[in-house]
Amino acid sequence: HTLMWATSVRRCTSGLVTTRRTVSYRHLDETSLLIPHEVTTIAKNLKKMEGKRNIISHKKEASVLVPFCFTGEGTSLLFTKRTDTVGSHKGQVSFPGGIVDPTDRDSVHTALRETEEEIGILPAHIQIMGLYHDVPSRDSVRVTPVIGFVENLGDLDKLNINHAEVDHVFTVSLSELMDQSRWTLDDLGQRGISTKRDGERRGRRDFNNFLGLIPRFKSPGRPDVWGLTGYITHHIIHHLLTPFKVTSKPGWTS
C-alpha cells in the first residue's frame, strides 16, 4: 500500500486508514489468516478502549512503536538495545521511537518515522492496531505507545540498523513474556500525573506506583526489559491479552 498525506477521515477496503491532518497508515487486517490470534485479540481489546484512553498533559511529547511480530518462537515482541554512546537512555532496552518532530502529523507518524530511522523497517510493512494509554517518562515526557504488527520480519541480522543509536535488536516470545516467574519489580519512586480522557475534560489522576514499582522482565541470554519499556510491555499484555500481576521484589536495583 502507498502512504500519503491525509486531508479527510475515511476507511477503505484496502486496509488503509486516513485521518484528518495525519499520515495515512495501514490498519490491522484482522481477517487475514497471516495475523496471529494473539494480535487480533489485542486489536479487539484496543477497540474497546476507544474514548477511554488516558492522555497525559506534558509539554514534551514522544511516541514509541510496540512492534509485535511472528518469529520461529511464535508471536513475539521486538526490542532494541541502545548503544552506550547515544545521547539519551544509553545502553537501555527500548521500543523504537522518539520525540515528536514539528513536521510529524501525529503519534503514529512519529513512531513509524523513528522505527524506519532506527531499525530500517518501512511503514508499509507495519499494520497499526491502535494507541495505548499515554505513560510518563522520568524526565517528564508524555510517551504514547503505538501498537503495531510487523509483517515478514525475517532475519534480524539483515535489518538496516542505525548503529549510532541502536546496538542490536532482539525478540521475546509472548509465551515467555506471559510467564509470571520471569517478572520482578523495581522501585523507582512515585509521581502524580495530570491526565485527561479522550473526549472528556482534563482531570487529575494520581498514578500511585506509576513510577513506583515498575515491572522488570528477565530472560537468560538477553538484556532485561525494565523501566518505561518494562512498564509498557507488562501493562499491554496484562490489560489487552491475559491478566497477571507481578508481586515479587528483586534483591537488587536498576
Protein backbone atom coordinates (compact mmCIF):
# COMPACT_ATOMS: atom_id res chain seq x y z
CA HIS A 1 0.00 0.00 0.00
CA THR A 2 1.16 3.55 -0.69
CA LEU A 3 1.40 6.01 2.20
CA MET A 4 0.13 9.54 1.58
CA TRP A 5 -0.79 12.68 3.50
CA ALA A 6 -4.43 12.83 4.56
CA THR A 7 -6.98 15.62 4.43
CA SER A 8 -10.14 13.80 5.47
CA VAL A 9 -11.43 10.89 7.52
CA ARG A 10 -12.26 7.63 5.75
CA ARG A 11 -11.83 3.86 5.82
CA CYS A 12 -11.41 1.74 2.73
CA THR A 13 -11.32 -1.94 1.88
CA SER A 14 -7.59 -1.84 1.14
CA GLY A 15 -6.90 -1.59 4.86
CA LEU A 16 -5.64 2.00 4.76
CA VAL A 17 -6.91 4.39 7.39
CA THR A 18 -6.79 8.10 6.67
CA THR A 19 -7.30 10.66 9.45
CA ARG A 20 -7.57 14.43 9.23
CA ARG A 21 -4.14 16.07 9.46
CA THR A 22 -2.40 12.76 9.97
CA VAL A 23 -0.26 10.45 7.90
CA SER A 24 -2.03 7.50 6.30
CA TYR A 25 -1.10 4.12 7.68
CA ARG A 26 -2.09 0.51 7.34
CA HIS A 27 -4.75 -0.60 9.77
CA LEU A 28 -4.53 -4.17 11.01
CA ASP A 29 -6.35 -6.61 8.71
CA GLU A 30 -8.00 -8.80 11.34
CA THR A 31 -9.47 -11.06 8.65
CA SER A 32 -6.06 -12.15 7.36
CA LEU A 33 -5.07 -15.71 8.18
CA LEU A 34 -1.48 -14.46 8.48
CA ILE A 35 -2.24 -12.41 11.60
CA PRO A 36 -1.60 -14.34 14.86
CA HIS A 37 -4.66 -14.76 17.08
CA GLU A 38 -2.92 -13.01 19.99
CA VAL A 39 -2.53 -9.93 17.80
CA THR A 40 -6.20 -9.89 16.78
CA THR A 41 -7.15 -10.27 20.45
CA ILE A 42 -5.06 -7.22 21.35
CA ALA A 43 -6.58 -5.25 18.47
CA LYS A 44 -10.13 -6.09 19.55
CA ASN A 45 -9.40 -5.08 23.16
CA LEU A 46 -7.83 -1.83 21.95
CA LYS A 47 -11.08 -1.01 20.17
CA LYS A 48 -12.91 -1.35 23.47
CA MET A 49 -10.64 1.40 24.83
CA GLU A 50 -11.76 3.94 22.24
CA GLY A 51 -12.87 7.11 24.02
CA LYS A 52 -11.35 5.91 27.30
CA ARG A 53 -7.62 6.28 26.62
CA ASN A 54 -5.64 8.21 29.26
CA ILE A 55 -3.88 11.25 27.78
CA ILE A 56 -1.13 12.80 29.90
CA SER A 57 -0.67 16.56 29.98
CA HIS A 58 3.03 17.25 29.30
CA LYS A 59 4.70 19.87 27.14
CA LYS A 60 7.19 17.40 25.65
CA GLU A 61 5.70 14.54 23.64
CA ALA A 62 7.12 11.31 22.26
CA SER A 63 5.80 8.08 20.86
CA VAL A 64 7.12 4.55 20.52
CA LEU A 65 6.14 1.64 18.33
CA VAL A 66 5.27 -1.51 20.27
CA PRO A 67 6.13 -3.93 17.44
CA PHE A 68 4.53 -7.33 17.64
CA CYS A 69 5.86 -9.81 15.09
CA PHE A 70 5.93 -13.51 14.25
CA THR A 71 9.16 -15.48 14.69
CA GLY A 72 10.22 -19.11 14.96
CA GLU A 73 9.15 -18.90 18.61
CA GLY A 74 5.65 -17.73 17.73
CA THR A 75 4.11 -14.32 18.32
CA SER A 76 6.79 -12.08 19.81
CA LEU A 77 7.74 -8.51 20.68
CA LEU A 78 10.68 -6.73 19.08
CA PHE A 79 13.00 -4.66 21.31
CA THR A 80 16.05 -2.51 20.65
CA LYS A 81 19.19 -2.26 22.79
CA ARG A 82 20.52 1.29 22.63
CA THR A 83 24.24 1.99 22.27
CA ASP A 84 26.40 3.23 25.12
CA THR A 85 27.22 6.36 23.13
CA VAL A 86 23.74 7.55 22.11
CA GLY A 87 22.68 10.91 23.55
CA SER A 88 19.99 9.62 25.92
CA HIS A 89 18.98 6.36 27.62
CA LYS A 90 22.41 4.88 26.98
CA GLY A 91 22.54 1.10 26.90
CA GLN A 92 18.88 0.67 27.73
CA VAL A 93 16.32 -1.65 26.21
CA SER A 94 13.58 0.27 24.44
CA PHE A 95 10.98 0.26 21.71
CA PRO A 96 11.79 2.21 18.54
CA GLY A 97 10.54 5.77 18.90
CA GLY A 98 11.41 9.28 19.96
CA ILE A 99 10.38 12.88 20.47
CA VAL A 100 7.59 14.21 18.25
CA ASP A 101 9.06 16.29 15.43
CA PRO A 102 7.28 19.54 14.44
CA THR A 103 6.73 18.06 10.97
CA ASP A 104 5.11 14.86 12.31
CA ARG A 105 1.37 14.65 11.71
CA ASP A 106 0.57 12.60 14.82
CA SER A 107 1.89 9.98 17.23
CA VAL A 108 1.60 7.21 14.65
CA HIS A 109 3.69 9.21 12.18
CA THR A 110 6.36 9.77 14.86
CA ALA A 111 6.53 6.09 15.75
CA LEU A 112 6.70 4.93 12.12
CA ARG A 113 9.32 7.55 11.20
CA GLU A 114 11.53 6.70 14.16
CA THR A 115 11.20 2.96 13.52
CA GLU A 116 12.40 3.40 9.95
CA GLU A 117 15.26 5.67 11.05
CA GLU A 118 16.41 3.39 13.88
CA ILE A 119 16.00 -0.14 12.53
CA GLY A 120 15.06 0.25 8.87
CA ILE A 121 11.54 -1.24 8.94
CA LEU A 122 9.39 0.64 6.43
CA PRO A 123 5.92 1.93 7.39
CA ALA A 124 4.43 -0.12 4.55
CA HIS A 125 5.48 -3.29 6.42
CA ILE A 126 3.70 -2.33 9.66
CA GLN A 127 -0.01 -2.74 10.38
CA ILE A 128 -1.29 -0.43 13.11
CA MET A 129 -3.63 -1.74 15.81
CA GLY A 130 -4.11 1.49 17.77
CA LEU A 131 -2.86 3.63 20.66
CA TYR A 132 -2.45 2.52 24.26
CA HIS A 133 -2.67 4.77 27.33
CA ASP A 134 -0.06 7.54 27.49
CA VAL A 135 2.70 6.95 30.04
CA PRO A 136 5.11 9.47 31.62
CA SER A 137 8.87 9.13 31.41
CA ARG A 138 11.05 10.03 34.38
CA ASP A 139 12.14 13.21 32.59
CA SER A 140 8.53 14.41 32.22
CA VAL A 141 7.90 13.42 28.61
CA ARG A 142 4.50 12.14 27.54
CA VAL A 143 5.05 8.85 25.74
CA THR A 144 2.30 7.44 23.51
CA PRO A 145 2.62 3.69 22.76
CA VAL A 146 1.56 2.90 19.18
CA ILE A 147 0.83 -0.83 18.92
CA GLY A 148 1.59 -2.44 15.57
CA PHE A 149 2.30 -5.72 13.83
CA VAL A 150 5.43 -6.09 11.68
CA GLU A 151 4.91 -8.27 8.64
CA ASN A 152 7.54 -10.75 7.43
CA LEU A 153 10.20 -9.65 9.91
CA GLY A 154 12.73 -12.18 8.67
CA ASP A 155 16.37 -12.32 9.77
CA LEU A 156 17.12 -9.67 12.40
CA ASP A 157 20.74 -9.51 11.21
CA LYS A 158 19.53 -8.18 7.86
CA LEU A 159 17.74 -5.16 9.33
CA ASN A 160 19.21 -1.80 8.34
CA ILE A 161 20.06 -0.71 11.89
CA ASN A 162 21.29 2.79 12.67
CA HIS A 163 24.27 1.80 14.83
CA ALA A 164 24.74 5.36 16.03
CA GLU A 165 21.61 4.80 18.14
CA VAL A 166 20.91 1.07 18.27
CA ASP A 167 23.42 -1.60 19.28
CA HIS A 168 21.22 -4.53 18.31
CA VAL A 169 17.62 -5.76 18.23
CA PHE A 170 16.12 -8.90 19.75
CA THR A 171 12.73 -10.53 20.14
CA VAL A 172 11.00 -12.17 23.09
CA SER A 173 8.09 -14.55 22.56
CA LEU A 174 4.72 -13.84 24.14
CA SER A 175 4.83 -17.24 25.81
CA GLU A 176 7.94 -16.06 27.70
CA LEU A 177 6.53 -12.62 28.42
CA MET A 178 3.38 -14.18 29.89
CA ASP A 179 5.48 -16.34 32.25
CA GLN A 180 4.87 -14.61 35.59
CA SER A 181 8.01 -16.17 37.13
CA ARG A 182 10.20 -14.10 34.74
CA TRP A 183 8.98 -10.78 36.20
CA THR A 184 10.14 -8.86 39.26
CA LEU A 185 9.70 -5.26 40.46
CA ASP A 186 11.98 -2.23 40.62
CA ASP A 187 11.25 0.66 42.98
CA LEU A 188 11.71 3.92 41.05
CA GLY A 189 9.78 6.33 43.30
CA GLN A 190 6.31 7.83 42.84
CA ARG A 191 4.76 10.74 40.99
CA GLY A 192 1.25 12.09 40.34
CA ILE A 193 0.35 12.70 36.70
CA SER A 194 -2.21 15.06 35.16
CA THR A 195 -4.33 13.22 32.61
CA LYS A 196 -7.47 13.58 30.56
CA ARG A 197 -9.70 11.12 28.74
CA ASP A 198 -10.40 11.15 25.01
CA GLY A 199 -13.34 13.50 24.51
CA GLU A 200 -13.53 14.41 28.19
CA ARG A 201 -12.41 17.32 30.31
CA ARG A 202 -8.91 17.30 31.74
CA GLY A 203 -8.72 15.97 35.28
CA ARG A 204 -6.24 14.96 37.93
CA ARG A 205 -5.42 11.33 38.37
CA ASP A 206 -2.97 10.08 40.95
CA PHE A 207 -0.90 7.27 39.46
CA ASN A 208 0.03 5.54 42.70
CA ASN A 209 3.12 3.47 41.97
CA PHE A 210 3.02 4.59 38.31
CA LEU A 211 6.69 5.39 38.55
CA GLY A 212 6.98 3.48 41.79
CA LEU A 213 7.09 -0.29 41.45
CA ILE A 214 7.97 -0.96 37.82
CA PRO A 215 7.96 -4.46 36.28
CA ARG A 216 11.25 -5.92 35.06
CA PHE A 217 11.42 -8.94 32.74
CA LYS A 218 14.46 -11.23 32.96
CA SER A 219 15.41 -13.72 30.27
CA PRO A 220 18.69 -15.66 30.18
CA GLY A 221 20.98 -14.57 27.35
CA ARG A 222 19.09 -11.33 26.66
CA PRO A 223 19.07 -7.88 28.25
CA ASP A 224 16.48 -7.18 30.93
CA VAL A 225 13.34 -5.37 29.81
CA TRP A 226 12.79 -2.76 32.50
CA GLY A 227 11.96 0.89 33.22
CA LEU A 228 9.38 2.52 30.99
CA THR A 229 9.70 -0.28 28.40
CA GLY A 230 9.06 -2.89 31.08
CA TYR A 231 6.03 -0.96 32.30
CA ILE A 232 4.54 -0.62 28.80
CA THR A 233 5.23 -4.27 27.97
CA HIS A 234 3.68 -5.67 31.12
CA HIS A 235 0.61 -3.42 31.05
CA ILE A 236 -0.20 -4.07 27.41
CA ILE A 237 -0.03 -7.84 27.96
CA HIS A 238 -1.90 -7.59 31.28
CA HIS A 239 -4.70 -5.32 30.04
CA LEU A 240 -5.06 -6.41 26.43
CA LEU A 241 -4.15 -10.11 26.39
CA THR A 242 -4.01 -12.02 29.67
CA PRO A 243 -4.21 -10.58 33.21
CA PHE A 244 -1.31 -11.31 35.55
CA LYS A 245 0.32 -9.39 38.36
CA VAL A 246 3.95 -9.00 39.31
CA THR A 247 4.29 -9.37 43.06
CA SER A 248 7.91 -10.29 43.78
CA LYS A 249 10.54 -7.68 44.58
CA PRO A 250 14.16 -8.11 43.47
CA GLY A 251 17.11 -8.07 45.80
CA TRP A 252 18.91 -5.61 43.56
CA THR A 253 18.21 -2.23 41.97
CA SER A 254 18.38 -0.96 38.43
